Amino acid sequence: EGPFLNPSPGYCGCHPAAAMGDPDIAL
């Protein structure tokens, strides 16, 4: 669940927004 989530307030929930990024197949 993540890190490919929306980092905006309200959307990120308790997930650390600074660790989010664009979907990455290699990762």
mmCIF file of all heavy atoms, coordinates in Angstrom:
data_MODEL
# 
_entry.id   MODEL 
# 
loop_
_atom_site.group_PDB 
_atom_site.id 
_atom_site.type_symbol 
_atom_site.label_atom_id 
_atom_site.label_alt_id 
_atom_site.label_comp_id 
_atom_site.label_asym_id 
_atom_site.label_entity_id 
_atom_site.label_seq_id 
_atom_site.pdbx_PDB_ins_code 
_atom_site.Cartn_x 
_atom_site.Cartn_y 
_atom_site.Cartn_z 
_atom_site.occupancy 
_atom_site.B_iso_or_equiv 
_atom_site.pdbx_formal_charge 
_atom_site.auth_seq_id 
_atom_site.auth_comp_id 
_atom_site.auth_asym_id 
_atom_site.auth_atom_id 
_atom_site.pdbx_PDB_model_num 
ATOM 1   N N   . GLU A 1 1  ? 0.868  -1.182 0.000   1.00 0.00 ? 1  GLU A N   1 
ATOM 2   C CA  . GLU A 1 1  ? 0.000  0.000  0.000   1.00 0.00 ? 1  GLU A CA  1 
ATOM 3   C C   . GLU A 1 1  ? 0.907  1.235  0.000   1.00 0.00 ? 1  GLU A C   1 
ATOM 4   O O   . GLU A 1 1  ? 1.328  1.718  1.033   1.00 0.00 ? 1  GLU A O   1 
ATOM 5   C CB  . GLU A 1 1  ? -0.907 0.012  1.228   1.00 0.00 ? 1  GLU A CB  1 
ATOM 6   C CG  . GLU A 1 1  ? -1.909 1.151  1.184   1.00 0.00 ? 1  GLU A CG  1 
ATOM 7   C CD  . GLU A 1 1  ? -2.696 1.307  2.472   1.00 0.00 ? 1  GLU A CD  1 
ATOM 8   O OE1 . GLU A 1 1  ? -2.405 0.600  3.452   1.00 0.00 ? 1  GLU A OE1 1 
ATOM 9   O OE2 . GLU A 1 1  ? -3.587 2.173  2.514   1.00 0.00 ? 1  GLU A OE2 1 
ATOM 10  N N   . GLY A 1 2  ? 1.192  1.733  -1.182  1.00 0.00 ? 2  GLY A N   1 
ATOM 11  C CA  . GLY A 1 2  ? 2.168  2.798  -1.330  1.00 0.00 ? 2  GLY A CA  1 
ATOM 12  C C   . GLY A 1 2  ? 3.464  2.191  -1.844  1.00 0.00 ? 2  GLY A C   1 
ATOM 13  O O   . GLY A 1 2  ? 3.567  0.973  -1.998  1.00 0.00 ? 2  GLY A O   1 
ATOM 14  N N   . PRO A 1 3  ? 4.472  3.004  -2.130  1.00 0.00 ? 3  PRO A N   1 
ATOM 15  C CA  . PRO A 1 3  ? 4.550  4.449  -1.880  1.00 0.00 ? 3  PRO A CA  1 
ATOM 16  C C   . PRO A 1 3  ? 3.991  5.309  -3.004  1.00 0.00 ? 3  PRO A C   1 
ATOM 17  O O   . PRO A 1 3  ? 4.221  6.518  -3.042  1.00 0.00 ? 3  PRO A O   1 
ATOM 18  C CB  . PRO A 1 3  ? 6.069  4.657  -1.762  1.00 0.00 ? 3  PRO A CB  1 
ATOM 19  C CG  . PRO A 1 3  ? 6.642  3.671  -2.739  1.00 0.00 ? 3  PRO A CG  1 
ATOM 20  C CD  . PRO A 1 3  ? 5.739  2.461  -2.656  1.00 0.00 ? 3  PRO A CD  1 
ATOM 21  N N   . PHE A 1 4  ? 3.227  4.680  -3.912  1.00 0.00 ? 4  PHE A N   1 
ATOM 22  C CA  . PHE A 1 4  ? 2.770  5.373  -5.115  1.00 0.00 ? 4  PHE A CA  1 
ATOM 23  C C   . PHE A 1 4  ? 1.417  6.047  -4.870  1.00 0.00 ? 4  PHE A C   1 
ATOM 24  O O   . PHE A 1 4  ? 0.448  5.836  -5.614  1.00 0.00 ? 4  PHE A O   1 
ATOM 25  C CB  . PHE A 1 4  ? 2.678  4.380  -6.280  1.00 0.00 ? 4  PHE A CB  1 
ATOM 26  C CG  . PHE A 1 4  ? 3.856  3.443  -6.375  1.00 0.00 ? 4  PHE A CG  1 
ATOM 27  C CD1 . PHE A 1 4  ? 3.659  2.070  -6.461  1.00 0.00 ? 4  PHE A CD1 1 
ATOM 28  C CD2 . PHE A 1 4  ? 5.157  3.926  -6.377  1.00 0.00 ? 4  PHE A CD2 1 
ATOM 29  C CE1 . PHE A 1 4  ? 4.726  1.197  -6.559  1.00 0.00 ? 4  PHE A CE1 1 
ATOM 30  C CE2 . PHE A 1 4  ? 6.243  3.049  -6.467  1.00 0.00 ? 4  PHE A CE2 1 
ATOM 31  C CZ  . PHE A 1 4  ? 6.030  1.687  -6.557  1.00 0.00 ? 4  PHE A CZ  1 
ATOM 32  N N   . LEU A 1 5  ? 1.341  6.851  -3.820  1.00 0.00 ? 5  LEU A N   1 
ATOM 33  C CA  . LEU A 1 5  ? 0.086  7.448  -3.380  1.00 0.00 ? 5  LEU A CA  1 
ATOM 34  C C   . LEU A 1 5  ? 0.118  8.961  -3.565  1.00 0.00 ? 5  LEU A C   1 
ATOM 35  O O   . LEU A 1 5  ? 1.149  9.545  -3.907  1.00 0.00 ? 5  LEU A O   1 
ATOM 36  C CB  . LEU A 1 5  ? -0.175 7.103  -1.907  1.00 0.00 ? 5  LEU A CB  1 
ATOM 37  C CG  . LEU A 1 5  ? -0.075 5.620  -1.529  1.00 0.00 ? 5  LEU A CG  1 
ATOM 38  C CD1 . LEU A 1 5  ? -0.318 5.443  -0.034  1.00 0.00 ? 5  LEU A CD1 1 
ATOM 39  C CD2 . LEU A 1 5  ? -1.038 4.776  -2.348  1.00 0.00 ? 5  LEU A CD2 1 
ATOM 40  N N   . ASN A 1 6  ? -1.033 9.596  -3.333  1.00 0.00 ? 6  ASN A N   1 
ATOM 41  C CA  . ASN A 1 6  ? -1.141 11.051 -3.432  1.00 0.00 ? 6  ASN A CA  1 
ATOM 42  C C   . ASN A 1 6  ? -0.656 11.667 -2.117  1.00 0.00 ? 6  ASN A C   1 
ATOM 43  O O   . ASN A 1 6  ? -1.236 11.392 -1.060  1.00 0.00 ? 6  ASN A O   1 
ATOM 44  C CB  . ASN A 1 6  ? -2.589 11.443 -3.712  1.00 0.00 ? 6  ASN A CB  1 
ATOM 45  C CG  . ASN A 1 6  ? -2.739 12.905 -4.065  1.00 0.00 ? 6  ASN A CG  1 
ATOM 46  O OD1 . ASN A 1 6  ? -2.145 13.773 -3.436  1.00 0.00 ? 6  ASN A OD1 1 
ATOM 47  N ND2 . ASN A 1 6  ? -3.551 13.182 -5.071  1.00 0.00 ? 6  ASN A ND2 1 
ATOM 48  N N   . PRO A 1 7  ? 0.387  12.508 -2.143  1.00 0.00 ? 7  PRO A N   1 
ATOM 49  C CA  . PRO A 1 7  ? 0.951  13.034 -0.909  1.00 0.00 ? 7  PRO A CA  1 
ATOM 50  C C   . PRO A 1 7  ? 0.222  14.246 -0.339  1.00 0.00 ? 7  PRO A C   1 
ATOM 51  O O   . PRO A 1 7  ? 0.617  14.757 0.712   1.00 0.00 ? 7  PRO A O   1 
ATOM 52  C CB  . PRO A 1 7  ? 2.374  13.427 -1.321  1.00 0.00 ? 7  PRO A CB  1 
ATOM 53  C CG  . PRO A 1 7  ? 2.224  13.842 -2.749  1.00 0.00 ? 7  PRO A CG  1 
ATOM 54  C CD  . PRO A 1 7  ? 1.165  12.928 -3.331  1.00 0.00 ? 7  PRO A CD  1 
ATOM 55  N N   . SER A 1 8  ? -0.835 14.694 -0.993  1.00 0.00 ? 8  SER A N   1 
ATOM 56  C CA  . SER A 1 8  ? -1.523 15.906 -0.551  1.00 0.00 ? 8  SER A CA  1 
ATOM 57  C C   . SER A 1 8  ? -2.194 15.686 0.797   1.00 0.00 ? 8  SER A C   1 
ATOM 58  O O   . SER A 1 8  ? -2.626 14.565 1.117   1.00 0.00 ? 8  SER A O   1 
ATOM 59  C CB  . SER A 1 8  ? -2.579 16.328 -1.580  1.00 0.00 ? 8  SER A CB  1 
ATOM 60  O OG  . SER A 1 8  ? -1.988 16.530 -2.847  1.00 0.00 ? 8  SER A OG  1 
ATOM 61  N N   . PRO A 1 9  ? -2.319 16.744 1.603   1.00 0.00 ? 9  PRO A N   1 
ATOM 62  C CA  . PRO A 1 9  ? -3.007 16.616 2.899   1.00 0.00 ? 9  PRO A CA  1 
ATOM 63  C C   . PRO A 1 9  ? -4.414 16.043 2.717   1.00 0.00 ? 9  PRO A C   1 
ATOM 64  O O   . PRO A 1 9  ? -5.139 16.406 1.788   1.00 0.00 ? 9  PRO A O   1 
ATOM 65  C CB  . PRO A 1 9  ? -3.052 18.067 3.400   1.00 0.00 ? 9  PRO A CB  1 
ATOM 66  C CG  . PRO A 1 9  ? -1.887 18.730 2.748   1.00 0.00 ? 9  PRO A CG  1 
ATOM 67  C CD  . PRO A 1 9  ? -1.789 18.101 1.383   1.00 0.00 ? 9  PRO A CD  1 
ATOM 68  N N   . GLY A 1 10 ? -4.777 15.143 3.606   1.00 0.00 ? 10 GLY A N   1 
ATOM 69  C CA  . GLY A 1 10 ? -6.076 14.487 3.524   1.00 0.00 ? 10 GLY A CA  1 
ATOM 70  C C   . GLY A 1 10 ? -6.022 13.190 2.758   1.00 0.00 ? 10 GLY A C   1 
ATOM 71  O O   . GLY A 1 10 ? -6.661 12.208 3.133   1.00 0.00 ? 10 GLY A O   1 
ATOM 72  N N   . TYR A 1 11 ? -5.263 13.159 1.676   1.00 0.00 ? 11 TYR A N   1 
ATOM 73  C CA  . TYR A 1 11 ? -5.139 11.940 0.879   1.00 0.00 ? 11 TYR A CA  1 
ATOM 74  C C   . TYR A 1 11 ? -4.064 10.998 1.433   1.00 0.00 ? 11 TYR A C   1 
ATOM 75  O O   . TYR A 1 11 ? -4.201 9.782  1.339   1.00 0.00 ? 11 TYR A O   1 
ATOM 76  C CB  . TYR A 1 11 ? -4.809 12.274 -0.580  1.00 0.00 ? 11 TYR A CB  1 
ATOM 77  C CG  . TYR A 1 11 ? -5.925 12.975 -1.307  1.00 0.00 ? 11 TYR A CG  1 
ATOM 78  C CD1 . TYR A 1 11 ? -5.882 14.347 -1.528  1.00 0.00 ? 11 TYR A CD1 1 
ATOM 79  C CD2 . TYR A 1 11 ? -7.039 12.274 -1.768  1.00 0.00 ? 11 TYR A CD2 1 
ATOM 80  C CE1 . TYR A 1 11 ? -6.912 15.000 -2.185  1.00 0.00 ? 11 TYR A CE1 1 
ATOM 81  C CE2 . TYR A 1 11 ? -8.079 12.916 -2.432  1.00 0.00 ? 11 TYR A CE2 1 
ATOM 82  C CZ  . TYR A 1 11 ? -8.007 14.286 -2.638  1.00 0.00 ? 11 TYR A CZ  1 
ATOM 83  O OH  . TYR A 1 11 ? -9.033 14.926 -3.286  1.00 0.00 ? 11 TYR A OH  1 
ATOM 84  N N   . CYS A 1 12 ? -2.997 11.555 2.001   1.00 0.00 ? 12 CYS A N   1 
ATOM 85  C CA  . CYS A 1 12 ? -1.877 10.701 2.412   1.00 0.00 ? 12 CYS A CA  1 
ATOM 86  C C   . CYS A 1 12 ? -2.156 9.937  3.699   1.00 0.00 ? 12 CYS A C   1 
ATOM 87  O O   . CYS A 1 12 ? -1.534 8.917  3.967   1.00 0.00 ? 12 CYS A O   1 
ATOM 88  C CB  . CYS A 1 12 ? -0.613 11.527 2.556   1.00 0.00 ? 12 CYS A CB  1 
ATOM 89  S SG  . CYS A 1 12 ? -0.664 12.814 3.803   1.00 0.00 ? 12 CYS A SG  1 
ATOM 90  N N   . GLY A 1 13 ? -3.114 10.407 4.519   1.00 0.00 ? 13 GLY A N   1 
ATOM 91  C CA  . GLY A 1 13 ? -3.416 9.726  5.767   1.00 0.00 ? 13 GLY A CA  1 
ATOM 92  C C   . GLY A 1 13 ? -2.195 9.702  6.681   1.00 0.00 ? 13 GLY A C   1 
ATOM 93  O O   . GLY A 1 13 ? -1.492 10.704 6.816   1.00 0.00 ? 13 GLY A O   1 
ATOM 94  N N   . CYS A 1 14 ? -1.924 8.540  7.284   1.00 0.00 ? 14 CYS A N   1 
ATOM 95  C CA  . CYS A 1 14 ? -0.757 8.429  8.169   1.00 0.00 ? 14 CYS A CA  1 
ATOM 96  C C   . CYS A 1 14 ? 0.504  8.024  7.417   1.00 0.00 ? 14 CYS A C   1 
ATOM 97  O O   . CYS A 1 14 ? 1.573  7.892  8.022   1.00 0.00 ? 14 CYS A O   1 
ATOM 98  C CB  . CYS A 1 14 ? -1.039 7.446  9.307   1.00 0.00 ? 14 CYS A CB  1 
ATOM 99  S SG  . CYS A 1 14 ? -1.090 5.703  8.800   1.00 0.00 ? 14 CYS A SG  1 
ATOM 100 N N   . HIS A 1 15 ? 0.408  7.822  6.095   1.00 0.00 ? 15 HIS A N   1 
ATOM 101 C CA  . HIS A 1 15 ? 1.579  7.463  5.305   1.00 0.00 ? 15 HIS A CA  1 
ATOM 102 C C   . HIS A 1 15 ? 2.535  8.648  5.207   1.00 0.00 ? 15 HIS A C   1 
ATOM 103 O O   . HIS A 1 15 ? 2.098  9.786  5.025   1.00 0.00 ? 15 HIS A O   1 
ATOM 104 C CB  . HIS A 1 15 ? 1.170  7.041  3.889   1.00 0.00 ? 15 HIS A CB  1 
ATOM 105 C CG  . HIS A 1 15 ? 0.417  5.760  3.817   1.00 0.00 ? 15 HIS A CG  1 
ATOM 106 N ND1 . HIS A 1 15 ? 0.878  4.655  3.148   1.00 0.00 ? 15 HIS A ND1 1 
ATOM 107 C CD2 . HIS A 1 15 ? -0.786 5.396  4.325   1.00 0.00 ? 15 HIS A CD2 1 
ATOM 108 C CE1 . HIS A 1 15 ? 0.011  3.664  3.243   1.00 0.00 ? 15 HIS A CE1 1 
ATOM 109 N NE2 . HIS A 1 15 ? -1.021 4.097  3.963   1.00 0.00 ? 15 HIS A NE2 1 
ATOM 110 N N   . PRO A 1 16 ? 3.841  8.424  5.304   1.00 0.00 ? 16 PRO A N   1 
ATOM 111 C CA  . PRO A 1 16 ? 4.791  9.536  5.195   1.00 0.00 ? 16 PRO A CA  1 
ATOM 112 C C   . PRO A 1 16 ? 4.852  10.090 3.778   1.00 0.00 ? 16 PRO A C   1 
ATOM 113 O O   . PRO A 1 16 ? 5.360  9.427  2.855   1.00 0.00 ? 16 PRO A O   1 
ATOM 114 C CB  . PRO A 1 16 ? 6.120  8.903  5.617   1.00 0.00 ? 16 PRO A CB  1 
ATOM 115 C CG  . PRO A 1 16 ? 5.950  7.450  5.346   1.00 0.00 ? 16 PRO A CG  1 
ATOM 116 C CD  . PRO A 1 16 ? 4.501  7.140  5.578   1.00 0.00 ? 16 PRO A CD  1 
ATOM 117 N N   . ALA A 1 17 ? 4.356  11.298 3.601   1.00 0.00 ? 17 ALA A N   1 
ATOM 118 C CA  . ALA A 1 17 ? 4.269  11.889 2.264   1.00 0.00 ? 17 ALA A CA  1 
ATOM 119 C C   . ALA A 1 17 ? 5.641  12.035 1.619   1.00 0.00 ? 17 ALA A C   1 
ATOM 120 O O   . ALA A 1 17 ? 5.785  11.896 0.393   1.00 0.00 ? 17 ALA A O   1 
ATOM 121 C CB  . ALA A 1 17 ? 3.569  13.240 2.340   1.00 0.00 ? 17 ALA A CB  1 
ATOM 122 N N   . ALA A 1 18 ? 6.665  12.305 2.413   1.00 0.00 ? 18 ALA A N   1 
ATOM 123 C CA  . ALA A 1 18 ? 8.010  12.520 1.868   1.00 0.00 ? 18 ALA A CA  1 
ATOM 124 C C   . ALA A 1 18 ? 8.576  11.267 1.212   1.00 0.00 ? 18 ALA A C   1 
ATOM 125 O O   . ALA A 1 18 ? 9.499  11.355 0.394   1.00 0.00 ? 18 ALA A O   1 
ATOM 126 C CB  . ALA A 1 18 ? 8.942  13.005 2.973   1.00 0.00 ? 18 ALA A CB  1 
ATOM 127 N N   . ALA A 1 19 ? 8.049  10.093 1.557   1.00 0.00 ? 19 ALA A N   1 
ATOM 128 C CA  . ALA A 1 19 ? 8.553  8.838  0.995   1.00 0.00 ? 19 ALA A CA  1 
ATOM 129 C C   . ALA A 1 19 ? 7.780  8.409  -0.248  1.00 0.00 ? 19 ALA A C   1 
ATOM 130 O O   . ALA A 1 19 ? 8.103  7.373  -0.846  1.00 0.00 ? 19 ALA A O   1 
ATOM 131 C CB  . ALA A 1 19 ? 8.495  7.726  2.040   1.00 0.00 ? 19 ALA A CB  1 
ATOM 132 N N   . MET A 1 20 ? 6.772  9.174  -0.651  1.00 0.00 ? 20 MET A N   1 
ATOM 133 C CA  . MET A 1 20 ? 5.955  8.797  -1.805  1.00 0.00 ? 20 MET A CA  1 
ATOM 134 C C   . MET A 1 20 ? 6.636  9.185  -3.109  1.00 0.00 ? 20 MET A C   1 
ATOM 135 O O   . MET A 1 20 ? 7.441  10.120 -3.163  1.00 0.00 ? 20 MET A O   1 
ATOM 136 C CB  . MET A 1 20 ? 4.576  9.455  -1.700  1.00 0.00 ? 20 MET A CB  1 
ATOM 137 C CG  . MET A 1 20 ? 3.753  8.927  -0.556  1.00 0.00 ? 20 MET A CG  1 
ATOM 138 S SD  . MET A 1 20 ? 2.134  9.734  -0.430  1.00 0.00 ? 20 MET A SD  1 
ATOM 139 C CE  . MET A 1 20 ? 1.529  8.993  1.089   1.00 0.00 ? 20 MET A CE  1 
ATOM 140 N N   . GLY A 1 21 ? 6.304  8.460  -4.161  1.00 0.00 ? 21 GLY A N   1 
ATOM 141 C CA  . GLY A 1 21 ? 6.860  8.741  -5.476  1.00 0.00 ? 21 GLY A CA  1 
ATOM 142 C C   . GLY A 1 21 ? 5.968  8.169  -6.558  1.00 0.00 ? 21 GLY A C   1 
ATOM 143 O O   . GLY A 1 21 ? 4.942  7.543  -6.278  1.00 0.00 ? 21 GLY A O   1 
ATOM 144 N N   . ASP A 1 22 ? 6.355  8.384  -7.794  1.00 0.00 ? 22 ASP A N   1 
ATOM 145 C CA  . ASP A 1 22 ? 5.578  7.881  -8.919  1.00 0.00 ? 22 ASP A CA  1 
ATOM 146 C C   . ASP A 1 22 ? 5.732  6.368  -9.048  1.00 0.00 ? 22 ASP A C   1 
ATOM 147 O O   . ASP A 1 22 ? 6.770  5.807  -8.672  1.00 0.00 ? 22 ASP A O   1 
ATOM 148 C CB  . ASP A 1 22 ? 6.036  8.557  -10.214 1.00 0.00 ? 22 ASP A CB  1 
ATOM 149 C CG  . ASP A 1 22 ? 5.739  10.053 -10.231 1.00 0.00 ? 22 ASP A CG  1 
ATOM 150 O OD1 . ASP A 1 22 ? 4.780  10.468 -9.547  1.00 0.00 ? 22 ASP A OD1 1 
ATOM 151 O OD2 . ASP A 1 22 ? 6.464  10.794 -10.923 1.00 0.00 ? 22 ASP A OD2 1 
ATOM 152 N N   . PRO A 1 23 ? 4.716  5.696  -9.568  1.00 0.00 ? 23 PRO A N   1 
ATOM 153 C CA  . PRO A 1 23 ? 4.797  4.243  -9.743  1.00 0.00 ? 23 PRO A CA  1 
ATOM 154 C C   . PRO A 1 23 ? 6.037  3.846  -10.526 1.00 0.00 ? 23 PRO A C   1 
ATOM 155 O O   . PRO A 1 23 ? 6.355  4.431  -11.563 1.00 0.00 ? 23 PRO A O   1 
ATOM 156 C CB  . PRO A 1 23 ? 3.504  3.921  -10.509 1.00 0.00 ? 23 PRO A CB  1 
ATOM 157 C CG  . PRO A 1 23 ? 2.552  4.978  -10.048 1.00 0.00 ? 23 PRO A CG  1 
ATOM 158 C CD  . PRO A 1 23 ? 3.380  6.222  -9.924  1.00 0.00 ? 23 PRO A CD  1 
ATOM 159 N N   . ASP A 1 24 ? 6.729  2.838  -10.018 1.00 0.00 ? 24 ASP A N   1 
ATOM 160 C CA  . ASP A 1 24 ? 8.044  2.465  -10.528 1.00 0.00 ? 24 ASP A CA  1 
ATOM 161 C C   . ASP A 1 24 ? 8.101  0.942  -10.653 1.00 0.00 ? 24 ASP A C   1 
ATOM 162 O O   . ASP A 1 24 ? 8.182  0.220  -9.656  1.00 0.00 ? 24 ASP A O   1 
ATOM 163 C CB  . ASP A 1 24 ? 9.106  2.972  -9.557  1.00 0.00 ? 24 ASP A CB  1 
ATOM 164 C CG  . ASP A 1 24 ? 10.526 2.739  -10.046 1.00 0.00 ? 24 ASP A CG  1 
ATOM 165 O OD1 . ASP A 1 24 ? 10.719 1.936  -10.985 1.00 0.00 ? 24 ASP A OD1 1 
ATOM 166 O OD2 . ASP A 1 24 ? 11.443 3.352  -9.470  1.00 0.00 ? 24 ASP A OD2 1 
ATOM 167 N N   . ILE A 1 25 ? 8.039  0.462  -11.878 1.00 0.00 ? 25 ILE A N   1 
ATOM 168 C CA  . ILE A 1 25 ? 8.062  -0.979 -12.123 1.00 0.00 ? 25 ILE A CA  1 
ATOM 169 C C   . ILE A 1 25 ? 9.369  -1.593 -11.620 1.00 0.00 ? 25 ILE A C   1 
ATOM 170 O O   . ILE A 1 25 ? 9.385  -2.683 -11.040 1.00 0.00 ? 25 ILE A O   1 
ATOM 171 C CB  . ILE A 1 25 ? 7.861  -1.264 -13.620 1.00 0.00 ? 25 ILE A CB  1 
ATOM 172 C CG1 . ILE A 1 25 ? 6.448  -0.846 -14.048 1.00 0.00 ? 25 ILE A CG1 1 
ATOM 173 C CG2 . ILE A 1 25 ? 8.083  -2.747 -13.923 1.00 0.00 ? 25 ILE A CG2 1 
ATOM 174 C CD1 . ILE A 1 25 ? 6.225  -0.835 -15.543 1.00 0.00 ? 25 ILE A CD1 1 
ATOM 175 N N   . ALA A 1 26 ? 10.471 -0.882 -11.813 1.00 0.00 ? 26 ALA A N   1 
ATOM 176 C CA  . ALA A 1 26 ? 11.767 -1.410 -11.380 1.00 0.00 ? 26 ALA A CA  1 
ATOM 177 C C   . ALA A 1 26 ? 11.812 -1.581 -9.869  1.00 0.00 ? 26 ALA A C   1 
ATOM 178 O O   . ALA A 1 26 ? 12.381 -2.564 -9.361  1.00 0.00 ? 26 ALA A O   1 
ATOM 179 C CB  . ALA A 1 26 ? 12.885 -0.488 -11.847 1.00 0.00 ? 26 ALA A CB  1 
ATOM 180 N N   . LEU A 1 27 ? 11.222 -0.643 -9.130  1.00 0.00 ? 27 LEU A N   1 
ATOM 181 C CA  . LEU A 1 27 ? 11.197 -0.763 -7.669  1.00 0.00 ? 27 LEU A CA  1 
ATOM 182 C C   . LEU A 1 27 ? 10.380 -1.970 -7.250  1.00 0.00 ? 27 LEU A C   1 
ATOM 183 O O   . LEU A 1 27 ? 10.803 -2.754 -6.380  1.00 0.00 ? 27 LEU A O   1 
ATOM 184 C CB  . LEU A 1 27 ? 10.630 0.512  -7.047  1.00 0.00 ? 27 LEU A CB  1 
ATOM 185 C CG  . LEU A 1 27 ? 10.433 0.476  -5.526  1.00 0.00 ? 27 LEU A CG  1 
ATOM 186 C CD1 . LEU A 1 27 ? 11.735 0.183  -4.805  1.00 0.00 ? 27 LEU A CD1 1 
ATOM 187 C CD2 . LEU A 1 27 ? 9.807  1.779  -5.031  1.00 0.00 ? 27 LEU A CD2 1 
# 
